[in-house]
Amino acid sequence: MSSQRIEGEKIRCVGRRISKPRLIHQTGKHRAIEVFVEGKPAKAEVVKVWRVLK
């Protein structure tokens, strides 16, 4: 099984089951939430594209 990564400002996931949300630490003092989505198949799509501001 290979894992693939998508990145964006907003991501929508669809599946049959989700795991309990878990707080994880990002760089510095930033925090994020991690959730695992299961399904046959589980789908994810980028709703809002990642923008880099200069």
Protein backbone atom coordinates (compact mmCIF):
# COMPACT_ATOMS: atom_id res chain seq x y z
CA MET A 1 0.00 0.00 0.00
CA SER A 2 1.44 3.38 -0.96
CA SER A 3 0.50 6.63 0.71
CA GLN A 4 -0.13 9.79 -1.26
CA ARG A 5 -0.28 13.35 0.04
CA ILE A 6 -2.43 16.27 -1.04
CA GLU A 7 -2.01 19.80 0.31
CA GLY A 8 -4.39 22.73 0.38
CA GLU A 9 -5.97 25.34 2.64
CA LYS A 10 -9.21 23.37 2.83
CA ILE A 11 -9.64 19.62 2.18
CA ARG A 12 -12.89 17.64 2.12
CA CYS A 13 -12.87 13.90 2.91
CA VAL A 14 -15.61 11.33 2.34
CA GLY A 15 -15.67 7.83 3.80
CA ARG A 16 -17.64 5.34 5.85
CA ARG A 17 -15.88 5.85 9.20
CA ILE A 18 -13.67 8.48 10.80
CA SER A 19 -11.35 8.13 13.76
CA LYS A 20 -11.51 10.20 16.91
CA PRO A 21 -9.96 13.66 16.24
CA ARG A 22 -6.46 13.90 17.73
CA LEU A 23 -4.48 17.07 18.51
CA ILE A 24 -0.96 17.04 17.03
CA HIS A 25 1.84 19.61 17.18
CA GLN A 26 3.10 21.37 14.07
CA THR A 27 6.05 23.74 13.75
CA GLY A 28 6.53 26.17 16.62
CA LYS A 29 3.42 26.58 18.76
CA HIS A 30 1.01 25.74 15.93
CA ARG A 31 -1.35 22.83 16.47
CA ALA A 32 -3.41 20.76 14.08
CA ILE A 33 -6.06 18.04 14.19
CA GLU A 34 -5.46 14.60 12.70
CA VAL A 35 -8.36 12.37 11.60
CA PHE A 36 -8.23 9.07 9.72
CA VAL A 37 -11.01 8.43 7.18
CA GLU A 38 -11.82 4.86 6.13
CA GLY A 39 -13.97 3.70 3.26
CA LYS A 40 -14.20 1.59 0.14
CA PRO A 41 -12.84 3.88 -1.29
CA ALA A 42 -12.10 6.84 0.99
CA LYS A 43 -11.90 10.04 -1.05
CA ALA A 44 -10.27 13.42 -0.43
CA GLU A 45 -10.27 16.55 -2.55
CA VAL A 46 -8.82 20.02 -2.22
CA VAL A 47 -11.62 22.59 -1.87
CA LYS A 48 -9.38 25.66 -1.52
CA VAL A 49 -5.95 25.63 -3.16
CA TRP A 50 -2.86 26.47 -1.07
CA ARG A 51 -1.58 30.00 -1.79
CA VAL A 52 1.85 31.32 -0.89
CA LEU A 53 1.76 34.99 0.05
CA LYS A 54 4.87 37.07 -0.58
